[in-house]
C-alpha atoms as a PDB file:
ATOM      1  CA  GLN A   1      48.798   7.596 -28.673  1.00  0.00           C
ATOM      2  CA  GLU A   2      50.647   6.231 -31.626  1.00  0.00           C
ATOM      3  CA  THR A   3      54.423   6.037 -31.629  1.00  0.00           C
ATOM      4  CA  LEU A   4      56.787   6.274 -34.547  1.00  0.00           C
ATOM      5  CA  VAL A   5      60.021   4.304 -34.560  1.00  0.00           C
ATOM      6  CA  GLU A   6      62.724   5.008 -37.114  1.00  0.00           C
ATOM      7  CA  SER A   7      65.433   2.578 -38.118  1.00  0.00           C
ATOM      8  CA  GLY A   8      68.020   2.107 -40.835  1.00  0.00           C
ATOM      9  CA  GLY A   9      70.407   4.924 -40.073  1.00  0.00           C
ATOM     10  CA  GLY A  10      74.146   4.443 -39.918  1.00  0.00           C
ATOM     11  CA  LEU A  11      77.509   5.337 -41.386  1.00  0.00           C
ATOM     12  CA  VAL A  12      78.007   5.203 -45.139  1.00  0.00           C
ATOM     13  CA  GLN A  13      80.568   6.507 -47.584  1.00  0.00           C
ATOM     14  CA  ALA A  14      79.756   9.277 -50.017  1.00  0.00           C
ATOM     15  CA  GLY A  15      77.965   7.897 -53.041  1.00  0.00           C
ATOM     16  CA  GLY A  16      76.426   5.086 -51.036  1.00  0.00           C
ATOM     17  CA  SER A  17      72.833   4.297 -50.127  1.00  0.00           C
ATOM     18  CA  LEU A  18      70.697   3.766 -47.060  1.00  0.00           C
ATOM     19  CA  ARG A  19      67.040   2.939 -46.572  1.00  0.00           C
ATOM     20  CA  LEU A  20      65.308   4.404 -43.579  1.00  0.00           C
ATOM     21  CA  SER A  21      62.139   2.867 -42.174  1.00  0.00           C
ATOM     22  CA  CYS A  22      59.570   4.274 -39.830  1.00  0.00           C
ATOM     23  CA  GLN A  23      56.921   2.060 -38.314  1.00  0.00           C
ATOM     24  CA  ALA A  24      53.812   3.413 -36.648  1.00  0.00           C
ATOM     25  CA  ASP A  25      52.188   1.642 -33.737  1.00  0.00           C
ATOM     26  CA  VAL A  26      48.657   1.827 -35.154  1.00  0.00           C
ATOM     27  CA  SER A  27      46.384  -0.352 -37.237  1.00  0.00           C
ATOM     28  CA  GLY A  28      46.799  -0.454 -40.982  1.00  0.00           C
ATOM     29  CA  LEU A  29      43.443   1.227 -41.405  1.00  0.00           C
ATOM     30  CA  ILE A  30      44.434   4.157 -39.205  1.00  0.00           C
ATOM     31  CA  PHE A  31      47.874   4.345 -40.804  1.00  0.00           C
ATOM     32  CA  SER A  32      46.299   4.662 -44.238  1.00  0.00           C
ATOM     33  CA  THR A  33      44.739   7.970 -43.153  1.00  0.00           C
ATOM     34  CA  TYR A  34      48.100   9.479 -42.208  1.00  0.00           C
ATOM     35  CA  THR A  35      50.312  11.536 -44.397  1.00  0.00           C
ATOM     36  CA  MET A  36      53.858  10.481 -43.510  1.00  0.00           C
ATOM     37  CA  GLY A  37      56.932  12.604 -43.751  1.00  0.00           C
ATOM     38  CA  TRP A  38      60.650  12.776 -43.188  1.00  0.00           C
ATOM     39  CA  PHE A  39      62.579  15.715 -41.786  1.00  0.00           C
ATOM     40  CA  ARG A  40      66.219  16.049 -40.890  1.00  0.00           C
ATOM     41  CA  ARG A  41      68.331  18.182 -38.610  1.00  0.00           C
ATOM     42  CA  ALA A  42      72.020  18.643 -39.209  1.00  0.00           C
ATOM     43  CA  PHE A  43      74.290  19.733 -36.382  1.00  0.00           C
ATOM     44  CA  GLY A  44      73.819  23.415 -35.697  1.00  0.00           C
ATOM     45  CA  LYS A  45      70.929  23.786 -38.121  1.00  0.00           C
ATOM     46  CA  GLU A  46      67.149  23.890 -37.982  1.00  0.00           C
ATOM     47  CA  ARG A  47      65.042  20.837 -38.660  1.00  0.00           C
ATOM     48  CA  GLU A  48      64.124  20.826 -42.336  1.00  0.00           C
ATOM     49  CA  PHE A  49      61.592  19.031 -44.471  1.00  0.00           C
ATOM     50  CA  VAL A  50      62.876  16.276 -46.740  1.00  0.00           C
ATOM     51  CA  ALA A  51      59.943  14.296 -48.143  1.00  0.00           C
ATOM     52  CA  ALA A  52      56.317  13.340 -47.613  1.00  0.00           C
ATOM     53  CA  ILE A  53      53.765  10.906 -48.983  1.00  0.00           C
ATOM     54  CA  THR A  54      50.062  11.521 -48.586  1.00  0.00           C
ATOM     55  CA  TRP A  55      47.294   9.325 -47.264  1.00  0.00           C
ATOM     56  CA  GLY A  56      44.722   7.556 -49.394  1.00  0.00           C
ATOM     57  CA  MET A  57      44.959   5.952 -52.784  1.00  0.00           C
ATOM     58  CA  ASN A  58      46.618   8.941 -54.466  1.00  0.00           C
ATOM     59  CA  ARG A  59      49.831   8.744 -52.410  1.00  0.00           C
ATOM     60  CA  ALA A  60      51.156  12.005 -53.757  1.00  0.00           C
ATOM     61  CA  THR A  61      54.819  12.536 -52.954  1.00  0.00           C
ATOM     62  CA  TYR A  62      56.698  15.698 -52.139  1.00  0.00           C
ATOM     63  CA  LEU A  63      60.460  15.993 -52.090  1.00  0.00           C
ATOM     64  CA  GLU A  64      62.716  18.946 -51.544  1.00  0.00           C
ATOM     65  CA  ASP A  65      64.825  19.946 -54.506  1.00  0.00           C
ATOM     66  CA  PHE A  66      68.044  19.018 -52.763  1.00  0.00           C
ATOM     67  CA  VAL A  67      66.989  15.342 -52.617  1.00  0.00           C
ATOM     68  CA  LYS A  68      64.583  15.059 -55.533  1.00  0.00           C
ATOM     69  CA  ASP A  69      66.895  13.098 -57.847  1.00  0.00           C
ATOM     70  CA  ARG A  70      68.401  10.966 -55.091  1.00  0.00           C
ATOM     71  CA  PHE A  71      65.757  10.075 -52.495  1.00  0.00           C
ATOM     72  CA  THR A  72      62.497   8.170 -52.857  1.00  0.00           C
ATOM     73  CA  ILE A  73      59.681   7.988 -50.335  1.00  0.00           C
ATOM     74  CA  SER A  74      57.219   5.096 -50.252  1.00  0.00           C
ATOM     75  CA  ARG A  75      54.809   3.442 -47.850  1.00  0.00           C
ATOM     76  CA  ASP A  76      53.355   0.067 -47.015  1.00  0.00           C
ATOM     77  CA  ASN A  77      50.043   0.499 -45.241  1.00  0.00           C
ATOM     78  CA  ALA A  78      49.744  -3.164 -44.362  1.00  0.00           C
ATOM     79  CA  GLN A  79      53.077  -2.931 -42.547  1.00  0.00           C
ATOM     80  CA  THR A  80      52.273   0.577 -41.189  1.00  0.00           C
ATOM     81  CA  THR A  81      55.681   1.635 -42.422  1.00  0.00           C
ATOM     82  CA  VAL A  82      57.068   4.495 -44.468  1.00  0.00           C
ATOM     83  CA  TYR A  83      60.429   4.271 -46.183  1.00  0.00           C
ATOM     84  CA  LEU A  84      63.021   6.734 -47.354  1.00  0.00           C
ATOM     85  CA  GLN A  85      65.406   5.296 -49.916  1.00  0.00           C
ATOM     86  CA  MET A  86      68.484   7.483 -50.039  1.00  0.00           C
ATOM     87  CA  ASP A  87      70.938   7.100 -52.906  1.00  0.00           C
ATOM     88  CA  LYS A  88      74.018   9.048 -53.967  1.00  0.00           C
ATOM     89  CA  LEU A  89      74.518  10.264 -50.438  1.00  0.00           C
ATOM     90  CA  THR A  90      76.842  13.169 -49.770  1.00  0.00           C
ATOM     91  CA  PRO A  91      78.383  14.459 -46.530  1.00  0.00           C
ATOM     92  CA  GLU A  92      75.799  17.266 -46.638  1.00  0.00           C
ATOM     93  CA  ASP A  93      73.114  14.616 -45.994  1.00  0.00           C
ATOM     94  CA  THR A  94      74.598  13.906 -42.566  1.00  0.00           C
ATOM     95  CA  ALA A  95      71.854  14.574 -40.041  1.00  0.00           C
ATOM     96  CA  VAL A  96      69.376  13.054 -37.648  1.00  0.00           C
ATOM     97  CA  TYR A  97      66.381  11.969 -39.709  1.00  0.00           C
ATOM     98  CA  TYR A  98      62.941  12.187 -38.142  1.00  0.00           C
ATOM     99  CA  CYS A  99      59.719  10.534 -39.167  1.00  0.00           C
ATOM    100  CA  ALA A 100      56.487  12.481 -38.802  1.00  0.00           C
ATOM    101  CA  ALA A 101      52.790  11.698 -39.121  1.00  0.00           C
ATOM    102  CA  ALA A 102      49.750  13.858 -39.751  1.00  0.00           C
ATOM    103  CA  PRO A 103      46.187  12.592 -40.177  1.00  0.00           C
ATOM    104  CA  TRP A 104      44.536  13.689 -43.425  1.00  0.00           C
ATOM    105  CA  LEU A 105      47.279  16.200 -44.272  1.00  0.00           C
ATOM    106  CA  SER A 106      47.221  17.329 -47.877  1.00  0.00           C
ATOM    107  CA  GLY A 107      47.897  20.412 -49.949  1.00  0.00           C
ATOM    108  CA  THR A 108      51.081  22.038 -51.110  1.00  0.00           C
ATOM    109  CA  ILE A 109      54.683  21.389 -50.293  1.00  0.00           C
ATOM    110  CA  GLU A 110      54.508  24.507 -48.136  1.00  0.00           C
ATOM    111  CA  ASN A 111      51.995  22.652 -45.959  1.00  0.00           C
ATOM    112  CA  MET A 112      54.407  19.748 -45.719  1.00  0.00           C
ATOM    113  CA  ARG A 113      57.346  21.983 -44.800  1.00  0.00           C
ATOM    114  CA  ASP A 114      55.464  23.514 -41.891  1.00  0.00           C
ATOM    115  CA  ARG A 115      56.440  21.589 -38.756  1.00  0.00           C
ATOM    116  CA  ASN A 116      53.174  22.674 -37.150  1.00  0.00           C
ATOM    117  CA  SER A 117      51.312  20.575 -39.733  1.00  0.00           C
ATOM    118  CA  TRP A 118      52.635  17.373 -38.189  1.00  0.00           C
ATOM    119  CA  ARG A 119      51.118  15.736 -35.135  1.00  0.00           C
ATOM    120  CA  ARG A 120      53.539  12.961 -34.213  1.00  0.00           C
ATOM    121  CA  TRP A 121      57.301  12.674 -34.372  1.00  0.00           C
ATOM    122  CA  GLY A 122      59.738   9.852 -33.958  1.00  0.00           C
ATOM    123  CA  LEU A 123      62.926  10.153 -31.935  1.00  0.00           C
ATOM    124  CA  GLY A 124      65.133  10.132 -35.005  1.00  0.00           C
ATOM    125  CA  THR A 125      67.874   8.026 -36.517  1.00  0.00           C
ATOM    126  CA  GLN A 126      71.395   9.243 -37.219  1.00  0.00           C
ATOM    127  CA  VAL A 127      72.730   9.198 -40.768  1.00  0.00           C
ATOM    128  CA  THR A 128      76.418   9.943 -41.214  1.00  0.00           C
ATOM    129  CA  VAL A 129      78.012  10.187 -44.638  1.00  0.00           C
ATOM    130  CA  SER A 130      81.796  10.175 -44.779  1.00  0.00           C
ATOM    131  CA  SER A 131      83.753  11.819 -47.571  1.00  0.00           C
END
């Protein structure tokens, strides 16, 4: 079974940037069939959807409104890696960020928000934004 390993978390001041990476332990061909996503869970809150990028050549992206003007999701199939570039960070972005994978997932942002749509999860990486 494939594993997902996140990296790039850390402590940053408000207004700063971080880039998260998530590498999948699969071939590039298999990886290209996965929709990849990012979720986050703040202390005391439910895990929530942040962003996703679909499989195939289209690579449609979905971002929640609260990150749409600040975060960018991208992927490199040859490196079997998905990235989350996070700019203009605020303390409200403090959370554990989780990578997720789902073969052939497509559709609406509601599909992406549904945790049951995702087959594999990473263990998460902590992002802390100080004020």
